[in-house]
Amino acid sequence: MALFGFIGAGNMGLPLMKAAAATFGKNEVIFTDASKERSQFVSDQTGIRFLTDNCSVVKQCKNLVLAVKPQFFPVVLNEIKDVVTKDQIVISIAAGIKIESIKSMLSNSVRIVRAMPNTPAMVLQGMSGICFSEDTFTDEEKEIIDRFFKSFGKYEVFDERLMNAVVCANGSSPAYVYMFIEALADSVVSYGIPRDKAYELAAQTVLGSAALVLETGEHPGKLKDQVCSPGGTTIAAVKALEEYGFRNAIMKATDACYKKCEELSNK
């Protein structure tokens, strides 16, 4: 029996699967995907064994990772409900799907870890928020879960009531960061900087700025102030950002993201 079984090998499932295989060994990971062509491609690329149907994966793993989109959850859970056991742990990475909803479709005895990773897991720099169902998990099981989420980055544990906010903070927000990098690069390309160098300047600056926040523990506002010399170029730029609603746009995006999560949760 494999330690991890994945249903879904898409943009999130694949990097988590590869990280698990690197940490626990390829023989400890199996998977399936709705596309047989995708399954074969991923297996050829990674050396991880795939099975042809969801129930077979469930029957042959200890920890089941549901890496399918929220809209496909009802179909998948209905298919596997009779083969999931209380001895297994189900890890869901779907936005907006509550633990109680998963239990209602499977069984109240099934233990659930609800998680929200993000795409930087592809380069082992992911950030995940997780919560546990109110069930008993052994120390050994908790250690395995800890190693799994650390295999592709960092994680924090939250109360489930905060998980939709976690989606806003780390699940969807990489898209905003990429948009910022793209916009910043476009703006300096207009002044003559070659596009490849513009992307490198912008992306490395975002990476370094984020590292500075994490490593110093300083308030982002204080670090921002350190860049803003009196009467200088940066404060002029910050003034323009405020004028055009930069921070408000981010907050409005978060509101829209949260609202969508709530809609998914209430379905």
C-alpha atoms as a PDB file:
ATOM      1  CA  MET A   1       0.000   0.000   0.000  1.00  0.00           C
ATOM      2  CA  ALA A   2       1.316   3.441  -0.956  1.00  0.00           C
ATOM      3  CA  LEU A   3       1.627   6.203   1.614  1.00  0.00           C
ATOM      4  CA  PHE A   4       0.000   8.754  -0.727  1.00  0.00           C
ATOM      5  CA  GLY A   5      -2.572   8.438  -3.467  1.00  0.00           C
ATOM      6  CA  PHE A   6      -3.539  11.379  -5.667  1.00  0.00           C
ATOM      7  CA  ILE A   7      -6.746  11.864  -7.576  1.00  0.00           C
ATOM      8  CA  GLY A   8      -5.852  14.559 -10.081  1.00  0.00           C
ATOM      9  CA  ALA A   9      -2.470  15.422 -11.602  1.00  0.00           C
ATOM     10  CA  GLY A  10      -3.054  18.976 -12.769  1.00  0.00           C
ATOM     11  CA  ASN A  11      -1.324  22.277 -12.008  1.00  0.00           C
ATOM     12  CA  MET A  12      -1.543  21.728  -8.241  1.00  0.00           C
ATOM     13  CA  GLY A  13      -1.689  17.960  -7.998  1.00  0.00           C
ATOM     14  CA  LEU A  14       1.480  17.361 -10.019  1.00  0.00           C
ATOM     15  CA  PRO A  15       3.906  19.535  -8.007  1.00  0.00           C
ATOM     16  CA  LEU A  16       2.572  18.140  -4.718  1.00  0.00           C
ATOM     17  CA  MET A  17       2.909  14.626  -6.074  1.00  0.00           C
ATOM     18  CA  LYS A  18       6.484  15.217  -7.218  1.00  0.00           C
ATOM     19  CA  ALA A  19       7.391  16.719  -3.834  1.00  0.00           C
ATOM     20  CA  ALA A  20       5.857  13.742  -2.014  1.00  0.00           C
ATOM     21  CA  ALA A  21       7.769  11.325  -4.236  1.00  0.00           C
ATOM     22  CA  ALA A  22      11.037  13.182  -3.578  1.00  0.00           C
ATOM     23  CA  THR A  23      10.442  13.114   0.184  1.00  0.00           C
ATOM     24  CA  PHE A  24       8.908   9.685   0.738  1.00  0.00           C
ATOM     25  CA  GLY A  25      10.053   7.785  -2.358  1.00  0.00           C
ATOM     26  CA  LYS A  26       8.372   7.100  -5.694  1.00  0.00           C
ATOM     27  CA  ASN A  27       7.115   3.737  -4.487  1.00  0.00           C
ATOM     28  CA  GLU A  28       5.089   5.536  -1.793  1.00  0.00           C
ATOM     29  CA  VAL A  29       3.068   7.579  -4.310  1.00  0.00           C
ATOM     30  CA  ILE A  30       0.386   6.534  -6.802  1.00  0.00           C
ATOM     31  CA  PHE A  31      -2.094   8.596  -8.782  1.00  0.00           C
ATOM     32  CA  THR A  32      -4.829   8.752 -11.347  1.00  0.00           C
ATOM     33  CA  ASP A  33      -6.175  11.488 -13.585  1.00  0.00           C
ATOM     34  CA  ALA A  34      -9.357  11.867 -15.588  1.00  0.00           C
ATOM     35  CA  SER A  35      -7.231  11.989 -18.731  1.00  0.00           C
ATOM     36  CA  LYS A  36      -5.447   8.735 -19.502  1.00  0.00           C
ATOM     37  CA  GLU A  37      -3.103  10.654 -21.804  1.00  0.00           C
ATOM     38  CA  ARG A  38      -2.241  13.000 -18.950  1.00  0.00           C
ATOM     39  CA  SER A  39      -1.662  10.050 -16.612  1.00  0.00           C
ATOM     40  CA  GLN A  40       0.758   8.441 -19.046  1.00  0.00           C
ATOM     41  CA  PHE A  41       2.564  11.726 -19.665  1.00  0.00           C
ATOM     42  CA  VAL A  42       2.991  12.423 -15.927  1.00  0.00           C
ATOM     43  CA  SER A  43       4.117   8.855 -15.234  1.00  0.00           C
ATOM     44  CA  ASP A  44       6.677   9.001 -18.044  1.00  0.00           C
ATOM     45  CA  GLN A  45       7.936  12.337 -16.726  1.00  0.00           C
ATOM     46  CA  THR A  46       8.134  11.434 -13.042  1.00  0.00           C
ATOM     47  CA  GLY A  47       8.384   7.656 -12.824  1.00  0.00           C
ATOM     48  CA  ILE A  48       5.359   7.619 -10.487  1.00  0.00           C
ATOM     49  CA  ARG A  49       2.927   4.752 -11.024  1.00  0.00           C
ATOM     50  CA  PHE A  50      -0.598   5.574 -12.156  1.00  0.00           C
ATOM     51  CA  LEU A  51      -3.784   3.548 -11.849  1.00  0.00           C
ATOM     52  CA  THR A  52      -6.710   3.692 -14.221  1.00  0.00           C
ATOM     53  CA  ASP A  53      -9.525   4.610 -11.840  1.00  0.00           C
ATOM     54  CA  ASN A  54     -10.207   6.543  -8.643  1.00  0.00           C
ATOM     55  CA  CYS A  55     -11.405   3.615  -6.530  1.00  0.00           C
ATOM     56  CA  SER A  56      -8.231   1.642  -7.216  1.00  0.00           C
ATOM     57  CA  VAL A  57      -6.126   4.549  -5.932  1.00  0.00           C
ATOM     58  CA  VAL A  58      -8.258   4.838  -2.781  1.00  0.00           C
ATOM     59  CA  LYS A  59      -7.929   1.129  -2.040  1.00  0.00           C
ATOM     60  CA  GLN A  60      -4.144   1.223  -2.364  1.00  0.00           C
ATOM     61  CA  CYS A  61      -3.152   4.286  -0.301  1.00  0.00           C
ATOM     62  CA  LYS A  62      -3.049   5.485   3.286  1.00  0.00           C
ATOM     63  CA  ASN A  63      -3.383   9.236   2.618  1.00  0.00           C
ATOM     64  CA  LEU A  64      -5.693  10.286  -0.214  1.00  0.00           C
ATOM     65  CA  VAL A  65      -5.061  13.693  -1.811  1.00  0.00           C
ATOM     66  CA  LEU A  66      -8.067  15.089  -3.646  1.00  0.00           C
ATOM     67  CA  ALA A  67      -6.483  17.392  -6.235  1.00  0.00           C
ATOM     68  CA  VAL A  68      -9.580  18.045  -8.325  1.00  0.00           C
ATOM     69  CA  LYS A  69     -11.439  21.287  -8.927  1.00  0.00           C
ATOM     70  CA  PRO A  70     -14.390  22.080  -6.606  1.00  0.00           C
ATOM     71  CA  GLN A  71     -16.963  21.584  -9.363  1.00  0.00           C
ATOM     72  CA  PHE A  72     -15.841  17.958  -9.804  1.00  0.00           C
ATOM     73  CA  PHE A  73     -15.972  17.091  -6.094  1.00  0.00           C
ATOM     74  CA  PRO A  74     -19.537  15.697  -5.994  1.00  0.00           C
ATOM     75  CA  VAL A  75     -18.849  13.253  -8.825  1.00  0.00           C
ATOM     76  CA  VAL A  76     -15.502  12.087  -7.424  1.00  0.00           C
ATOM     77  CA  LEU A  77     -16.723  11.742  -3.833  1.00  0.00           C
ATOM     78  CA  ASN A  78     -19.821   9.856  -4.907  1.00  0.00           C
ATOM     79  CA  GLU A  79     -17.600   7.462  -6.848  1.00  0.00           C
ATOM     80  CA  ILE A  80     -15.234   6.693  -3.949  1.00  0.00           C
ATOM     81  CA  LYS A  81     -17.603   6.933  -0.962  1.00  0.00           C
ATOM     82  CA  ASP A  82     -17.930   3.169  -0.551  1.00  0.00           C
ATOM     83  CA  VAL A  83     -14.191   2.458  -0.567  1.00  0.00           C
ATOM     84  CA  VAL A  84     -12.796   5.198   1.709  1.00  0.00           C
ATOM     85  CA  THR A  85     -12.253   3.926   5.273  1.00  0.00           C
ATOM     86  CA  LYS A  86     -11.795   5.526   8.702  1.00  0.00           C
ATOM     87  CA  ASP A  87      -8.186   4.327   8.709  1.00  0.00           C
ATOM     88  CA  GLN A  88      -7.373   6.673   5.846  1.00  0.00           C
ATOM     89  CA  ILE A  89      -6.792  10.420   5.854  1.00  0.00           C
ATOM     90  CA  VAL A  90      -8.336  12.499   3.091  1.00  0.00           C
ATOM     91  CA  ILE A  91      -6.443  15.677   2.155  1.00  0.00           C
ATOM     92  CA  SER A  92      -8.546  18.138   0.160  1.00  0.00           C
ATOM     93  CA  ILE A  93      -6.971  21.089  -1.652  1.00  0.00           C
ATOM     94  CA  ALA A  94     -10.204  22.436  -3.155  1.00  0.00           C
ATOM     95  CA  ALA A  95     -11.125  26.047  -2.443  1.00  0.00           C
ATOM     96  CA  GLY A  96     -14.357  26.586  -0.559  1.00  0.00           C
ATOM     97  CA  ILE A  97     -15.208  22.937   0.158  1.00  0.00           C
ATOM     98  CA  LYS A  98     -15.909  22.538   3.887  1.00  0.00           C
ATOM     99  CA  ILE A  99     -14.890  19.545   5.964  1.00  0.00           C
ATOM    100  CA  GLU A 100     -18.519  18.891   6.871  1.00  0.00           C
ATOM    101  CA  SER A 101     -19.434  18.803   3.177  1.00  0.00           C
ATOM    102  CA  ILE A 102     -16.767  16.198   2.467  1.00  0.00           C
ATOM    103  CA  LYS A 103     -17.867  14.117   5.450  1.00  0.00           C
ATOM    104  CA  SER A 104     -21.507  14.320   4.358  1.00  0.00           C
ATOM    105  CA  MET A 105     -20.554  12.889   0.972  1.00  0.00           C
ATOM    106  CA  LEU A 106     -18.197  10.235   2.345  1.00  0.00           C
ATOM    107  CA  SER A 107     -18.675   9.353   6.006  1.00  0.00           C
ATOM    108  CA  ASN A 108     -18.516  11.116   9.358  1.00  0.00           C
ATOM    109  CA  SER A 109     -15.815   8.645  10.370  1.00  0.00           C
ATOM    110  CA  VAL A 110     -13.464   9.779   7.594  1.00  0.00           C
ATOM    111  CA  ARG A 111     -10.681  12.058   8.821  1.00  0.00           C
ATOM    112  CA  ILE A 112     -10.078  15.169   6.771  1.00  0.00           C
ATOM    113  CA  VAL A 113      -7.254  17.647   6.294  1.00  0.00           C
ATOM    114  CA  ARG A 114      -8.500  20.682   4.409  1.00  0.00           C
ATOM    115  CA  ALA A 115      -5.665  22.568   2.752  1.00  0.00           C
ATOM    116  CA  MET A 116      -4.977  25.498   0.470  1.00  0.00           C
ATOM    117  CA  PRO A 117      -1.522  25.301  -1.158  1.00  0.00           C
ATOM    118  CA  ASN A 118      -0.419  27.567  -3.991  1.00  0.00           C
ATOM    119  CA  THR A 119       1.411  27.339  -7.304  1.00  0.00           C
ATOM    120  CA  PRO A 120       4.881  28.331  -5.977  1.00  0.00           C
ATOM    121  CA  ALA A 121       4.880  24.708  -4.768  1.00  0.00           C
ATOM    122  CA  MET A 122       6.116  24.025  -8.300  1.00  0.00           C
ATOM    123  CA  VAL A 123       9.511  25.374  -7.227  1.00  0.00           C
ATOM    124  CA  LEU A 124       9.213  24.076  -3.629  1.00  0.00           C
ATOM    125  CA  GLN A 125       8.412  27.577  -2.367  1.00  0.00           C
ATOM    126  CA  GLY A 126       4.726  27.034  -1.691  1.00  0.00           C
ATOM    127  CA  MET A 127       2.725  28.407   1.209  1.00  0.00           C
ATOM    128  CA  SER A 128      -0.183  26.368   2.521  1.00  0.00           C
ATOM    129  CA  GLY A 129      -2.885  26.929   5.074  1.00  0.00           C
ATOM    130  CA  ILE A 130      -4.362  23.768   6.584  1.00  0.00           C
ATOM    131  CA  CYS A 131      -6.971  22.709   9.122  1.00  0.00           C
ATOM    132  CA  PHE A 132      -7.927  19.357  10.610  1.00  0.00           C
ATOM    133  CA  SER A 133     -11.288  17.743  11.175  1.00  0.00           C
ATOM    134  CA  GLU A 134     -12.223  17.241  14.816  1.00  0.00           C
ATOM    135  CA  ASP A 135     -11.004  13.654  14.822  1.00  0.00           C
ATOM    136  CA  THR A 136      -8.084  11.829  16.363  1.00  0.00           C
ATOM    137  CA  PHE A 137      -4.823  11.810  14.438  1.00  0.00           C
ATOM    138  CA  THR A 138      -1.896   9.790  15.766  1.00  0.00           C
ATOM    139  CA  ASP A 139       1.501  11.383  16.319  1.00  0.00           C
ATOM    140  CA  GLU A 140       2.859   9.332  13.434  1.00  0.00           C
ATOM    141  CA  GLU A 141       0.074  10.546  11.138  1.00  0.00           C
ATOM    142  CA  LYS A 142       0.690  14.157  12.152  1.00  0.00           C
ATOM    143  CA  GLU A 143       4.398  13.730  11.441  1.00  0.00           C
ATOM    144  CA  ILE A 144       3.648  12.384   7.948  1.00  0.00           C
ATOM    145  CA  ILE A 145       1.278  15.291   7.261  1.00  0.00           C
ATOM    146  CA  ASP A 146       3.919  17.733   8.522  1.00  0.00           C
ATOM    147  CA  ARG A 147       6.580  16.261   6.228  1.00  0.00           C
ATOM    148  CA  PHE A 148       4.182  16.254   3.286  1.00  0.00           C
ATOM    149  CA  PHE A 149       3.342  19.956   3.498  1.00  0.00           C
ATOM    150  CA  LYS A 150       6.952  20.905   4.198  1.00  0.00           C
ATOM    151  CA  SER A 151       8.070  18.932   1.141  1.00  0.00           C
ATOM    152  CA  PHE A 152       6.913  21.739  -1.160  1.00  0.00           C
ATOM    153  CA  GLY A 153       7.257  24.817   1.079  1.00  0.00           C
ATOM    154  CA  LYS A 154       5.841  26.064   4.359  1.00  0.00           C
ATOM    155  CA  TYR A 155       2.459  25.819   6.057  1.00  0.00           C
ATOM    156  CA  GLU A 156       0.403  27.214   8.910  1.00  0.00           C
ATOM    157  CA  VAL A 157      -2.525  25.631  10.767  1.00  0.00           C
ATOM    158  CA  PHE A 158      -5.782  27.596  11.040  1.00  0.00           C
ATOM    159  CA  ASP A 159      -9.307  27.187  12.372  1.00  0.00           C
ATOM    160  CA  GLU A 160     -11.525  26.134   9.500  1.00  0.00           C
ATOM    161  CA  ARG A 161     -13.597  29.317   9.775  1.00  0.00           C
ATOM    162  CA  LEU A 162     -10.529  31.178   8.402  1.00  0.00           C
ATOM    163  CA  MET A 163      -9.844  28.911   5.442  1.00  0.00           C
ATOM    164  CA  ASN A 164     -11.715  31.044   2.911  1.00  0.00           C
ATOM    165  CA  ALA A 165      -9.564  33.977   3.993  1.00  0.00           C
ATOM    166  CA  VAL A 166      -6.508  31.762   3.553  1.00  0.00           C
ATOM    167  CA  VAL A 167      -7.536  31.230  -0.079  1.00  0.00           C
ATOM    168  CA  CYS A 168      -7.444  35.028  -0.499  1.00  0.00           C
ATOM    169  CA  ALA A 169      -4.061  35.382   1.218  1.00  0.00           C
ATOM    170  CA  ASN A 170      -2.112  32.650  -0.537  1.00  0.00           C
ATOM    171  CA  GLY A 171      -4.255  30.557  -2.868  1.00  0.00           C
ATOM    172  CA  SER A 172      -5.359  33.155  -5.402  1.00  0.00           C
ATOM    173  CA  SER A 173      -2.855  35.924  -4.702  1.00  0.00           C
ATOM    174  CA  PRO A 174       0.051  34.556  -6.811  1.00  0.00           C
ATOM    175  CA  ALA A 175      -2.004  35.685  -9.823  1.00  0.00           C
ATOM    176  CA  TYR A 176      -1.947  39.269  -8.516  1.00  0.00           C
ATOM    177  CA  VAL A 177       1.815  39.063  -7.991  1.00  0.00           C
ATOM    178  CA  TYR A 178       2.328  37.838 -11.560  1.00  0.00           C
ATOM    179  CA  MET A 179       0.155  40.690 -12.814  1.00  0.00           C
ATOM    180  CA  PHE A 180       2.265  43.162 -10.830  1.00  0.00           C
ATOM    181  CA  ILE A 181       5.491  41.717 -12.253  1.00  0.00           C
ATOM    182  CA  GLU A 182       4.058  41.834 -15.779  1.00  0.00           C
ATOM    183  CA  ALA A 183       2.829  45.422 -15.409  1.00  0.00           C
ATOM    184  CA  LEU A 184       6.101  46.629 -13.890  1.00  0.00           C
ATOM    185  CA  ALA A 185       8.102  44.926 -16.624  1.00  0.00           C
ATOM    186  CA  ASP A 186       5.863  46.373 -19.355  1.00  0.00           C
ATOM    187  CA  SER A 187       6.287  49.848 -17.931  1.00  0.00           C
ATOM    188  CA  VAL A 188      10.088  49.752 -18.033  1.00  0.00           C
ATOM    189  CA  VAL A 189      10.151  48.033 -21.417  1.00  0.00           C
ATOM    190  CA  SER A 190       8.476  51.225 -22.648  1.00  0.00           C
ATOM    191  CA  TYR A 191      11.626  53.106 -21.545  1.00  0.00           C
ATOM    192  CA  GLY A 192      13.920  50.771 -23.459  1.00  0.00           C
ATOM    193  CA  ILE A 193      14.864  47.932 -21.073  1.00  0.00           C
ATOM    194  CA  PRO A 194      14.833  44.547 -22.906  1.00  0.00           C
ATOM    195  CA  ARG A 195      11.863  42.410 -21.894  1.00  0.00           C
ATOM    196  CA  ASP A 196      13.862  39.466 -20.516  1.00  0.00           C
ATOM    197  CA  LYS A 197      15.886  41.785 -18.301  1.00  0.00           C
ATOM    198  CA  ALA A 198      12.734  43.642 -17.258  1.00  0.00           C
ATOM    199  CA  TYR A 199      11.137  40.404 -16.040  1.00  0.00           C
ATOM    200  CA  GLU A 200      14.312  39.477 -14.157  1.00  0.00           C
ATOM    201  CA  LEU A 201      14.548  42.903 -12.507  1.00  0.00           C
ATOM    202  CA  ALA A 202      10.894  42.834 -11.439  1.00  0.00           C
ATOM    203  CA  ALA A 203      10.703  39.180 -10.352  1.00  0.00           C
ATOM    204  CA  GLN A 204      13.941  39.186  -8.370  1.00  0.00           C
ATOM    205  CA  THR A 205      12.880  42.408  -6.657  1.00  0.00           C
ATOM    206  CA  VAL A 206       9.586  40.809  -5.595  1.00  0.00           C
ATOM    207  CA  LEU A 207      11.472  37.724  -4.378  1.00  0.00           C
ATOM    208  CA  GLY A 208      13.987  39.761  -2.411  1.00  0.00           C
ATOM    209  CA  SER A 209      11.374  42.080  -0.940  1.00  0.00           C
ATOM    210  CA  ALA A 210       9.315  39.114   0.260  1.00  0.00           C
ATOM    211  CA  ALA A 211      12.422  37.515   1.784  1.00  0.00           C
ATOM    212  CA  LEU A 212      13.152  40.748   3.642  1.00  0.00           C
ATOM    213  CA  VAL A 213       9.671  40.760   5.186  1.00  0.00           C
ATOM    214  CA  LEU A 214      10.002  37.133   6.289  1.00  0.00           C
ATOM    215  CA  GLU A 215      13.583  37.256   7.541  1.00  0.00           C
ATOM    216  CA  THR A 216      13.460  40.588   9.397  1.00  0.00           C
ATOM    217  CA  GLY A 217       9.927  40.329  10.766  1.00  0.00           C
ATOM    218  CA  GLU A 218       9.581  44.063  10.184  1.00  0.00           C
ATOM    219  CA  HIS A 219       6.207  45.610   9.375  1.00  0.00           C
ATOM    220  CA  PRO A 220       5.873  45.998   5.579  1.00  0.00           C
ATOM    221  CA  GLY A 221       5.010  49.661   6.089  1.00  0.00           C
ATOM    222  CA  LYS A 222       8.306  50.257   7.870  1.00  0.00           C
ATOM    223  CA  LEU A 223      10.247  48.564   5.073  1.00  0.00           C
ATOM    224  CA  LYS A 224       8.343  50.667   2.558  1.00  0.00           C
ATOM    225  CA  ASP A 225       9.260  53.825   4.463  1.00  0.00           C
ATOM    226  CA  GLN A 226      12.940  52.852   4.319  1.00  0.00           C
ATOM    227  CA  VAL A 227      12.789  53.036   0.519  1.00  0.00           C
ATOM    228  CA  CYS A 228      10.895  56.320   0.439  1.00  0.00           C
ATOM    229  CA  SER A 229      13.505  59.078   0.763  1.00  0.00           C
ATOM    230  CA  PRO A 230      12.055  62.566   1.400  1.00  0.00           C
ATOM    231  CA  GLY A 231      11.330  64.272  -1.899  1.00  0.00           C
ATOM    232  CA  GLY A 232      12.628  61.242  -3.811  1.00  0.00           C
ATOM    233  CA  THR A 233      11.553  59.066  -6.684  1.00  0.00           C
ATOM    234  CA  THR A 234       9.903  56.328  -4.595  1.00  0.00           C
ATOM    235  CA  ILE A 235       7.580  58.552  -2.586  1.00  0.00           C
ATOM    236  CA  ALA A 236       6.486  60.166  -5.865  1.00  0.00           C
ATOM    237  CA  ALA A 237       5.654  56.699  -7.199  1.00  0.00           C
ATOM    238  CA  VAL A 238       3.881  55.679  -3.963  1.00  0.00           C
ATOM    239  CA  LYS A 239       1.792  58.859  -4.148  1.00  0.00           C
ATOM    240  CA  ALA A 240       0.705  57.862  -7.658  1.00  0.00           C
ATOM    241  CA  LEU A 241      -0.143  54.345  -6.491  1.00  0.00           C
ATOM    242  CA  GLU A 242      -2.343  55.786  -3.751  1.00  0.00           C
ATOM    243  CA  GLU A 243      -3.977  58.182  -6.193  1.00  0.00           C
ATOM    244  CA  TYR A 244      -4.902  55.351  -8.541  1.00  0.00           C
ATOM    245  CA  GLY A 245      -6.155  53.047  -5.777  1.00  0.00           C
ATOM    246  CA  PHE A 246      -3.421  50.398  -5.632  1.00  0.00           C
ATOM    247  CA  ARG A 247      -4.170  49.172  -2.105  1.00  0.00           C
ATOM    248  CA  ASN A 248      -7.903  49.511  -2.532  1.00  0.00           C
ATOM    249  CA  ALA A 249      -7.737  47.409  -5.698  1.00  0.00           C
ATOM    250  CA  ILE A 250      -6.015  44.608  -3.760  1.00  0.00           C
ATOM    251  CA  MET A 251      -8.610  44.782  -1.000  1.00  0.00           C
ATOM    252  CA  LYS A 252     -11.449  44.721  -3.534  1.00  0.00           C
ATOM    253  CA  ALA A 253      -9.846  41.699  -5.207  1.00  0.00           C
ATOM    254  CA  THR A 254      -9.701  39.975  -1.832  1.00  0.00           C
ATOM    255  CA  ASP A 255     -13.374  40.760  -1.219  1.00  0.00           C
ATOM    256  CA  ALA A 256     -14.294  39.247  -4.597  1.00  0.00           C
ATOM    257  CA  CYS A 257     -12.187  36.163  -3.910  1.00  0.00           C
ATOM    258  CA  TYR A 258     -13.714  35.695  -0.453  1.00  0.00           C
ATOM    259  CA  LYS A 259     -17.238  36.105  -1.814  1.00  0.00           C
ATOM    260  CA  LYS A 260     -16.595  33.396  -4.403  1.00  0.00           C
ATOM    261  CA  CYS A 261     -15.211  31.076  -1.718  1.00  0.00           C
ATOM    262  CA  GLU A 262     -18.345  31.617   0.365  1.00  0.00           C
ATOM    263  CA  GLU A 263     -20.489  30.786  -2.648  1.00  0.00           C
ATOM    264  CA  LEU A 264     -18.583  27.534  -3.145  1.00  0.00           C
ATOM    265  CA  SER A 265     -18.853  26.732   0.559  1.00  0.00           C
ATOM    266  CA  ASN A 266     -22.624  27.202   0.565  1.00  0.00           C
ATOM    267  CA  LYS A 267     -23.308  25.014  -2.458  1.00  0.00           C
END
